[in-house]
C-alpha atoms as a PDB file:
ATOM      1  CA  UNK A   1       0.000   0.000   0.000  1.00  0.00           C
ATOM      2  CA  UNK A   2       1.391   3.468  -0.836  1.00  0.00           C
ATOM      3  CA  UNK A   3       3.084   5.192   2.065  1.00  0.00           C
ATOM      4  CA  UNK A   4       0.311   7.766   2.265  1.00  0.00           C
ATOM      5  CA  UNK A   5      -1.425   5.272   4.508  1.00  0.00           C
ATOM      6  CA  UNK A   6       1.415   3.819   6.537  1.00  0.00           C
ATOM      7  CA  UNK A   7       0.395   3.194  10.135  1.00  0.00           C
ATOM      8  CA  UNK A   8       2.318   6.303  11.202  1.00  0.00           C
ATOM      9  CA  UNK A   9       0.697   8.569   8.637  1.00  0.00           C
ATOM     10  CA  UNK A  10      -2.707   7.079   9.435  1.00  0.00           C
ATOM     11  CA  UNK A  11      -2.238   7.803  13.142  1.00  0.00           C
ATOM     12  CA  UNK A  12      -1.266  11.418  12.368  1.00  0.00           C
ATOM     13  CA  UNK A  13      -4.385  11.808  10.211  1.00  0.00           C
ATOM     14  CA  UNK A  14      -6.441  10.554  13.141  1.00  0.00           C
ATOM     15  CA  UNK A  15      -4.638  12.947  15.483  1.00  0.00           C
ATOM     16  CA  UNK A  16      -5.429  15.840  13.126  1.00  0.00           C
ATOM     17  CA  UNK A  17      -9.109  14.915  13.309  1.00  0.00           C
ATOM     18  CA  UNK A  18      -8.978  14.862  17.115  1.00  0.00           C
ATOM     19  CA  UNK A  19      -7.387  18.310  17.161  1.00  0.00           C
ATOM     20  CA  UNK A  20     -10.070  19.600  14.807  1.00  0.00           C
ATOM     21  CA  UNK A  21     -12.902  18.268  16.945  1.00  0.00           C
ATOM     22  CA  UNK A  22     -11.196  19.489  20.101  1.00  0.00           C
ATOM     23  CA  UNK A  23     -11.041  23.030  18.738  1.00  0.00           C
ATOM     24  CA  UNK A  24     -14.690  22.785  17.737  1.00  0.00           C
ATOM     25  CA  UNK A  25     -15.579  21.873  21.314  1.00  0.00           C
ATOM     26  CA  UNK A  26     -14.294  25.305  22.326  1.00  0.00           C
ATOM     27  CA  UNK A  27     -15.912  27.112  19.401  1.00  0.00           C
ATOM     28  CA  UNK A  28     -19.351  25.492  19.729  1.00  0.00           C
ATOM     29  CA  UNK A  29     -19.328  24.990  23.499  1.00  0.00           C
ATOM     30  CA  UNK A  30     -20.585  21.446  23.035  1.00  0.00           C
ATOM     31  CA  UNK A  31     -19.351  17.874  22.495  1.00  0.00           C
ATOM     32  CA  UNK A  32     -18.686  17.560  18.743  1.00  0.00           C
ATOM     33  CA  UNK A  33     -16.786  14.281  18.256  1.00  0.00           C
ATOM     34  CA  UNK A  34     -18.989  11.402  17.156  1.00  0.00           C
ATOM     35  CA  UNK A  35     -22.088  13.564  16.648  1.00  0.00           C
ATOM     36  CA  UNK A  36     -23.339  13.176  20.205  1.00  0.00           C
ATOM     37  CA  UNK A  37     -26.981  14.045  21.004  1.00  0.00           C
ATOM     38  CA  UNK A  38     -27.714  17.500  22.350  1.00  0.00           C
ATOM     39  CA  UNK A  39     -26.769  18.317  25.922  1.00  0.00           C
ATOM     40  CA  UNK A  40     -29.562  17.192  28.302  1.00  0.00           C
ATOM     41  CA  UNK A  41     -31.948  20.054  29.068  1.00  0.00           C
ATOM     42  CA  UNK A  42     -31.752  21.390  32.593  1.00  0.00           C
ATOM     43  CA  UNK A  43     -28.398  19.763  33.276  1.00  0.00           C
ATOM     44  CA  UNK A  44     -25.717  22.312  34.267  1.00  0.00           C
ATOM     45  CA  UNK A  45     -22.078  22.174  33.263  1.00  0.00           C
ATOM     46  CA  UNK A  46     -22.348  22.102  29.467  1.00  0.00           C
ATOM     47  CA  UNK A  47     -19.490  24.537  28.852  1.00  0.00           C
ATOM     48  CA  UNK A  48     -17.225  22.890  31.415  1.00  0.00           C
ATOM     49  CA  UNK A  49     -17.885  19.491  29.852  1.00  0.00           C
ATOM     50  CA  UNK A  50     -17.275  20.827  26.329  1.00  0.00           C
ATOM     51  CA  UNK A  51     -13.975  22.451  27.261  1.00  0.00           C
ATOM     52  CA  UNK A  52     -12.739  19.519  29.356  1.00  0.00           C
ATOM     53  CA  UNK A  53     -13.582  16.921  26.705  1.00  0.00           C
ATOM     54  CA  UNK A  54     -12.142  19.136  23.976  1.00  0.00           C
ATOM     55  CA  UNK A  55      -8.912  19.452  25.915  1.00  0.00           C
ATOM     56  CA  UNK A  56      -8.758  15.654  26.311  1.00  0.00           C
ATOM     57  CA  UNK A  57      -9.099  15.198  22.548  1.00  0.00           C
ATOM     58  CA  UNK A  58      -6.270  17.640  21.886  1.00  0.00           C
ATOM     59  CA  UNK A  59      -4.021  16.032  24.523  1.00  0.00           C
ATOM     60  CA  UNK A  60      -4.753  12.600  23.030  1.00  0.00           C
ATOM     61  CA  UNK A  61      -3.887  13.932  19.570  1.00  0.00           C
ATOM     62  CA  UNK A  62      -0.504  15.235  20.672  1.00  0.00           C
ATOM     63  CA  UNK A  63       0.217  11.982  22.486  1.00  0.00           C
ATOM     64  CA  UNK A  64      -0.375  10.230  19.151  1.00  0.00           C
ATOM     65  CA  UNK A  65       1.920  12.624  17.293  1.00  0.00           C
ATOM     66  CA  UNK A  66       4.575  12.330  19.997  1.00  0.00           C
ATOM     67  CA  UNK A  67       4.096   8.790  21.400  1.00  0.00           C
ATOM     68  CA  UNK A  68       5.000   8.255  25.038  1.00  0.00           C
ATOM     69  CA  UNK A  69       4.119   6.013  27.961  1.00  0.00           C
ATOM     70  CA  UNK A  70       0.770   7.780  28.412  1.00  0.00           C
ATOM     71  CA  UNK A  71      -0.311   7.556  24.777  1.00  0.00           C
ATOM     72  CA  UNK A  72      -2.284   4.357  25.136  1.00  0.00           C
ATOM     73  CA  UNK A  73      -4.061   5.665  28.247  1.00  0.00           C
ATOM     74  CA  UNK A  74      -5.056   9.051  26.813  1.00  0.00           C
ATOM     75  CA  UNK A  75      -6.200   7.712  23.435  1.00  0.00           C
ATOM     76  CA  UNK A  76      -8.084   4.821  25.062  1.00  0.00           C
ATOM     77  CA  UNK A  77      -9.875   7.247  27.379  1.00  0.00           C
ATOM     78  CA  UNK A  78     -10.799   9.346  24.343  1.00  0.00           C
ATOM     79  CA  UNK A  79     -12.189   6.323  22.529  1.00  0.00           C
ATOM     80  CA  UNK A  80     -14.209   5.212  25.546  1.00  0.00           C
ATOM     81  CA  UNK A  81     -15.499   8.754  26.010  1.00  0.00           C
ATOM     82  CA  UNK A  82     -16.769   8.911  22.419  1.00  0.00           C
ATOM     83  CA  UNK A  83     -18.315   5.454  22.679  1.00  0.00           C
ATOM     84  CA  UNK A  84     -20.092   6.352  25.912  1.00  0.00           C
ATOM     85  CA  UNK A  85     -21.128   9.983  25.438  1.00  0.00           C
ATOM     86  CA  UNK A  86     -21.914   9.824  21.721  1.00  0.00           C
ATOM     87  CA  UNK A  87     -22.407   6.135  20.905  1.00  0.00           C
ATOM     88  CA  UNK A  88     -24.379   4.868  23.890  1.00  0.00           C
ATOM     89  CA  UNK A  89     -26.597   7.940  24.092  1.00  0.00           C
ATOM     90  CA  UNK A  90     -27.399   7.780  20.363  1.00  0.00           C
ATOM     91  CA  UNK A  91     -28.121   4.049  20.623  1.00  0.00           C
ATOM     92  CA  UNK A  92     -30.799   4.829  23.200  1.00  0.00           C
ATOM     93  CA  UNK A  93     -32.414   7.140  20.644  1.00  0.00           C
ATOM     94  CA  UNK A  94     -32.118   4.810  17.645  1.00  0.00           C
ATOM     95  CA  UNK A  95     -33.372   1.520  19.083  1.00  0.00           C
ATOM     96  CA  UNK A  96     -36.835   2.513  20.356  1.00  0.00           C
ATOM     97  CA  UNK A  97     -37.690   4.570  17.263  1.00  0.00           C
ATOM     98  CA  UNK A  98     -35.985   2.300  14.696  1.00  0.00           C
ATOM     99  CA  UNK A  99     -34.552   5.458  13.158  1.00  0.00           C
ATOM    100  CA  UNK A 100     -32.949   4.714   9.783  1.00  0.00           C
ATOM    101  CA  UNK A 101     -31.937   8.310   9.082  1.00  0.00           C
ATOM    102  CA  UNK A 102     -29.552  10.781  10.629  1.00  0.00           C
ATOM    103  CA  UNK A 103     -29.448   9.273  14.100  1.00  0.00           C
ATOM    104  CA  UNK A 104     -28.422   5.888  12.688  1.00  0.00           C
ATOM    105  CA  UNK A 105     -25.646   7.600  10.730  1.00  0.00           C
ATOM    106  CA  UNK A 106     -24.470   9.410  13.868  1.00  0.00           C
ATOM    107  CA  UNK A 107     -24.496   6.138  15.788  1.00  0.00           C
ATOM    108  CA  UNK A 108     -22.308   4.519  13.153  1.00  0.00           C
ATOM    109  CA  UNK A 109     -19.868   7.417  13.189  1.00  0.00           C
ATOM    110  CA  UNK A 110     -19.539   7.438  16.960  1.00  0.00           C
ATOM    111  CA  UNK A 111     -19.001   3.677  17.168  1.00  0.00           C
ATOM    112  CA  UNK A 112     -16.459   3.732  14.345  1.00  0.00           C
ATOM    113  CA  UNK A 113     -14.482   6.689  15.683  1.00  0.00           C
ATOM    114  CA  UNK A 114     -14.605   5.462  19.282  1.00  0.00           C
ATOM    115  CA  UNK A 115     -13.493   1.916  18.484  1.00  0.00           C
ATOM    116  CA  UNK A 116     -10.965   3.292  15.997  1.00  0.00           C
ATOM    117  CA  UNK A 117      -9.379   5.359  18.745  1.00  0.00           C
ATOM    118  CA  UNK A 118      -9.011   2.202  20.852  1.00  0.00           C
ATOM    119  CA  UNK A 119      -7.327   0.407  17.942  1.00  0.00           C
ATOM    120  CA  UNK A 120      -4.985   3.250  17.022  1.00  0.00           C
ATOM    121  CA  UNK A 121      -4.099   3.905  20.674  1.00  0.00           C
ATOM    122  CA  UNK A 122      -2.929   0.357  21.220  1.00  0.00           C
ATOM    123  CA  UNK A 123      -1.232   0.127  17.825  1.00  0.00           C
ATOM    124  CA  UNK A 124       1.141   2.962  18.719  1.00  0.00           C
ATOM    125  CA  UNK A 125       2.531   1.290  21.811  1.00  0.00           C
ATOM    126  CA  UNK A 126       2.223  -2.441  21.055  1.00  0.00           C
ATOM    127  CA  UNK A 127       0.310  -4.934  18.955  1.00  0.00           C
ATOM    128  CA  UNK A 128      -3.390  -4.342  19.661  1.00  0.00           C
ATOM    129  CA  UNK A 129      -5.441  -6.988  21.373  1.00  0.00           C
ATOM    130  CA  UNK A 130      -7.418  -9.090  18.928  1.00  0.00           C
ATOM    131  CA  UNK A 131     -10.725  -8.227  20.596  1.00  0.00           C
ATOM    132  CA  UNK A 132     -10.066  -4.508  20.018  1.00  0.00           C
ATOM    133  CA  UNK A 133      -9.304  -5.187  16.359  1.00  0.00           C
ATOM    134  CA  UNK A 134     -12.458  -7.284  15.965  1.00  0.00           C
ATOM    135  CA  UNK A 135     -14.551  -4.647  17.770  1.00  0.00           C
ATOM    136  CA  UNK A 136     -13.274  -1.929  15.442  1.00  0.00           C
ATOM    137  CA  UNK A 137     -13.932  -4.067  12.355  1.00  0.00           C
ATOM    138  CA  UNK A 138     -17.450  -4.863  13.555  1.00  0.00           C
ATOM    139  CA  UNK A 139     -18.350  -1.263  14.446  1.00  0.00           C
ATOM    140  CA  UNK A 140     -16.908   0.119  11.224  1.00  0.00           C
ATOM    141  CA  UNK A 141     -18.547  -2.661   9.235  1.00  0.00           C
ATOM    142  CA  UNK A 142     -21.978  -1.974  10.713  1.00  0.00           C
ATOM    143  CA  UNK A 143     -21.556   1.732   9.940  1.00  0.00           C
ATOM    144  CA  UNK A 144     -20.549   1.075   6.334  1.00  0.00           C
ATOM    145  CA  UNK A 145     -23.288  -1.490   5.736  1.00  0.00           C
ATOM    146  CA  UNK A 146     -25.955   0.827   7.131  1.00  0.00           C
ATOM    147  CA  UNK A 147     -24.565   3.765   5.146  1.00  0.00           C
ATOM    148  CA  UNK A 148     -24.623   1.707   1.958  1.00  0.00           C
ATOM    149  CA  UNK A 149     -28.271   0.828   2.468  1.00  0.00           C
ATOM    150  CA  UNK A 150     -29.087   4.462   3.267  1.00  0.00           C
ATOM    151  CA  UNK A 151     -27.642   5.469  -0.116  1.00  0.00           C
ATOM    152  CA  UNK A 152     -30.529   3.604  -1.727  1.00  0.00           C
ATOM    153  CA  UNK A 153     -33.226   4.658   0.731  1.00  0.00           C
ATOM    154  CA  UNK A 154     -32.302   8.354   0.666  1.00  0.00           C
ATOM    155  CA  UNK A 155     -31.002   8.603  -2.903  1.00  0.00           C
ATOM    156  CA  UNK A 156     -32.587  12.034  -3.451  1.00  0.00           C
ATOM    157  CA  UNK A 157     -30.481  13.475  -0.642  1.00  0.00           C
ATOM    158  CA  UNK A 158     -27.329  11.459  -1.319  1.00  0.00           C
ATOM    159  CA  UNK A 159     -27.095  12.590  -4.948  1.00  0.00           C
ATOM    160  CA  UNK A 160     -26.867  16.214  -3.787  1.00  0.00           C
ATOM    161  CA  UNK A 161     -23.543  15.354  -2.113  1.00  0.00           C
ATOM    162  CA  UNK A 162     -21.903  14.457  -5.420  1.00  0.00           C
ATOM    163  CA  UNK A 163     -19.812  17.454  -6.604  1.00  0.00           C
ATOM    164  CA  UNK A 164     -21.553  19.308  -9.416  1.00  0.00           C
ATOM    165  CA  UNK A 165     -18.590  18.957 -11.765  1.00  0.00           C
ATOM    166  CA  UNK A 166     -18.960  15.151 -11.705  1.00  0.00           C
ATOM    167  CA  UNK A 167     -21.690  13.940 -14.116  1.00  0.00           C
ATOM    168  CA  UNK A 168     -24.037  11.088 -13.217  1.00  0.00           C
ATOM    169  CA  UNK A 169     -24.871  11.978  -9.610  1.00  0.00           C
ATOM    170  CA  UNK A 170     -27.424   9.171  -9.223  1.00  0.00           C
ATOM    171  CA  UNK A 171     -25.087   6.600 -10.766  1.00  0.00           C
ATOM    172  CA  UNK A 172     -22.187   7.505  -8.478  1.00  0.00           C
ATOM    173  CA  UNK A 173     -24.502   7.571  -5.461  1.00  0.00           C
ATOM    174  CA  UNK A 174     -25.523   3.980  -6.169  1.00  0.00           C
ATOM    175  CA  UNK A 175     -21.923   2.933  -6.836  1.00  0.00           C
ATOM    176  CA  UNK A 176     -20.884   4.447  -3.502  1.00  0.00           C
ATOM    177  CA  UNK A 177     -23.772   2.680  -1.786  1.00  0.00           C
ATOM    178  CA  UNK A 178     -22.727  -0.681  -3.190  1.00  0.00           C
ATOM    179  CA  UNK A 179     -19.121  -0.045  -2.225  1.00  0.00           C
ATOM    180  CA  UNK A 180     -20.032   0.922   1.318  1.00  0.00           C
ATOM    181  CA  UNK A 181     -22.310  -2.077   1.812  1.00  0.00           C
ATOM    182  CA  UNK A 182     -19.748  -4.496   0.362  1.00  0.00           C
ATOM    183  CA  UNK A 183     -17.047  -3.059   2.613  1.00  0.00           C
ATOM    184  CA  UNK A 184     -19.315  -3.382   5.614  1.00  0.00           C
ATOM    185  CA  UNK A 185     -20.002  -7.050   4.908  1.00  0.00           C
ATOM    186  CA  UNK A 186     -16.288  -7.745   4.380  1.00  0.00           C
ATOM    187  CA  UNK A 187     -15.271  -6.043   7.626  1.00  0.00           C
ATOM    188  CA  UNK A 188     -17.918  -7.876   9.629  1.00  0.00           C
ATOM    189  CA  UNK A 189     -17.398 -11.351   8.159  1.00  0.00           C
ATOM    190  CA  UNK A 190     -13.658 -11.172   7.583  1.00  0.00           C
ATOM    191  CA  UNK A 191     -14.023 -12.275   3.938  1.00  0.00           C
ATOM    192  CA  UNK A 192     -11.612 -10.146   1.859  1.00  0.00           C
ATOM    193  CA  UNK A 193     -11.358  -7.819   4.861  1.00  0.00           C
ATOM    194  CA  UNK A 194      -7.859  -6.610   4.053  1.00  0.00           C
ATOM    195  CA  UNK A 195      -8.753  -5.751   0.446  1.00  0.00           C
ATOM    196  CA  UNK A 196     -11.958  -4.026   1.541  1.00  0.00           C
ATOM    197  CA  UNK A 197     -10.089  -1.950   4.114  1.00  0.00           C
ATOM    198  CA  UNK A 198      -7.508  -0.918   1.520  1.00  0.00           C
ATOM    199  CA  UNK A 199     -10.026   0.103  -1.144  1.00  0.00           C
ATOM    200  CA  UNK A 200     -12.385   1.839   1.273  1.00  0.00           C
ATOM    201  CA  UNK A 201      -9.541   3.757   2.952  1.00  0.00           C
ATOM    202  CA  UNK A 202      -8.701   5.294  -0.400  1.00  0.00           C
ATOM    203  CA  UNK A 203     -12.370   5.761  -1.266  1.00  0.00           C
ATOM    204  CA  UNK A 204     -13.078   7.754   1.881  1.00  0.00           C
ATOM    205  CA  UNK A 205      -9.839   9.715   1.535  1.00  0.00           C
ATOM    206  CA  UNK A 206     -10.805  10.685  -2.025  1.00  0.00           C
ATOM    207  CA  UNK A 207     -14.186  11.841  -0.687  1.00  0.00           C
ATOM    208  CA  UNK A 208     -12.266  13.860   1.888  1.00  0.00           C
ATOM    209  CA  UNK A 209     -10.380  15.617  -0.916  1.00  0.00           C
ATOM    210  CA  UNK A 210     -13.062  16.152  -3.565  1.00  0.00           C
ATOM    211  CA  UNK A 211     -16.208  16.380  -1.446  1.00  0.00           C
ATOM    212  CA  UNK A 212     -15.678  17.355   2.179  1.00  0.00           C
ATOM    213  CA  UNK A 213     -12.814  19.846   1.920  1.00  0.00           C
ATOM    214  CA  UNK A 214     -14.494  21.860  -0.878  1.00  0.00           C
ATOM    215  CA  UNK A 215     -17.764  21.905   1.059  1.00  0.00           C
ATOM    216  CA  UNK A 216     -15.917  23.073   4.174  1.00  0.00           C
ATOM    217  CA  UNK A 217     -14.500  26.046   2.292  1.00  0.00           C
ATOM    218  CA  UNK A 218     -17.571  26.596   0.127  1.00  0.00           C
ATOM    219  CA  UNK A 219     -20.266  29.212   0.323  1.00  0.00           C
ATOM    220  CA  UNK A 220     -22.493  28.794   3.360  1.00  0.00           C
ATOM    221  CA  UNK A 221     -20.102  26.340   5.049  1.00  0.00           C
ATOM    222  CA  UNK A 222     -20.663  25.778   8.760  1.00  0.00           C
ATOM    223  CA  UNK A 223     -19.343  23.714  11.653  1.00  0.00           C
ATOM    224  CA  UNK A 224     -21.265  20.691  10.397  1.00  0.00           C
ATOM    225  CA  UNK A 225     -19.192  20.652   7.215  1.00  0.00           C
ATOM    226  CA  UNK A 226     -15.966  20.846   9.210  1.00  0.00           C
ATOM    227  CA  UNK A 227     -17.065  18.026  11.476  1.00  0.00           C
ATOM    228  CA  UNK A 228     -17.568  15.956   8.320  1.00  0.00           C
ATOM    229  CA  UNK A 229     -14.082  16.868   7.068  1.00  0.00           C
ATOM    230  CA  UNK A 230     -12.475  15.468  10.196  1.00  0.00           C
ATOM    231  CA  UNK A 231     -14.795  12.449  10.192  1.00  0.00           C
ATOM    232  CA  UNK A 232     -13.668  11.485   6.685  1.00  0.00           C
ATOM    233  CA  UNK A 233     -10.018  11.932   7.633  1.00  0.00           C
ATOM    234  CA  UNK A 234     -10.453   9.852  10.794  1.00  0.00           C
ATOM    235  CA  UNK A 235     -12.402   7.052   9.107  1.00  0.00           C
ATOM    236  CA  UNK A 236      -9.825   6.720   6.320  1.00  0.00           C
ATOM    237  CA  UNK A 237      -7.117   6.475   9.008  1.00  0.00           C
ATOM    238  CA  UNK A 238      -9.071   3.792  10.875  1.00  0.00           C
ATOM    239  CA  UNK A 239      -9.553   1.752   7.706  1.00  0.00           C
ATOM    240  CA  UNK A 240      -5.840   2.050   6.918  1.00  0.00           C
ATOM    241  CA  UNK A 241      -5.003   0.793  10.404  1.00  0.00           C
ATOM    242  CA  UNK A 242      -7.352  -2.170   9.950  1.00  0.00           C
ATOM    243  CA  UNK A 243      -5.581  -2.920   6.666  1.00  0.00           C
ATOM    244  CA  UNK A 244      -2.111  -2.912   8.189  1.00  0.00           C
ATOM    245  CA  UNK A 245      -3.114  -5.007  11.183  1.00  0.00           C
ATOM    246  CA  UNK A 246      -5.155  -7.583   9.269  1.00  0.00           C
ATOM    247  CA  UNK A 247      -2.145  -9.892   8.765  1.00  0.00           C
ATOM    248  CA  UNK A 248      -1.090  -9.831  12.417  1.00  0.00           C
ATOM    249  CA  UNK A 249      -4.402 -10.570  14.125  1.00  0.00           C
END
């Protein structure tokens, strides 16, 4: 695989995403990583929580960039925080309502990013435990499978995400949906997992370059677009890490 996605480069990409989200915590005054549900009404301490969690993300990012004895601890805490505050709380929303829209997407993102942090944190200091690798593959696979299906259910919305200079928006939306679903199945079952991780890492990184970055700098861009930029960067890094570790676990 080209060196763009070596394990070291992948970890730095993930660290960049953590720094981006951490800064957004201070700008928005809320928890931004993993698309967590809104702060509970009537509960005090929102700003303190936003700043403290944002600081943790930034500290974890720098511990990834400059690995040390505390790297595994800080990045693991960050992953668990995202899984708990974003993932678990969104799961409570999704299950009773059987929500197949935005909340399901947010759940997939939080589970993928949280479990990815656990995998990358352990990869930097030692070979990750197999159960962490399997957890990350399963969470990412569920997210990709669900996203692939959503491409068909919500095609009218998905086609609007295709850059205007690319012809055939519906065609490419369906192609992306098939690719996402196939990747999800491969990550979950283990069949052609390494190949799926390789192809999807590049697929998401290309989306980062031609879709998310232009939208982030485009007219009417907002924090939501920048959250998506860092999500794409983080997910591509997680997939690259899965690829590199697939032969060892």
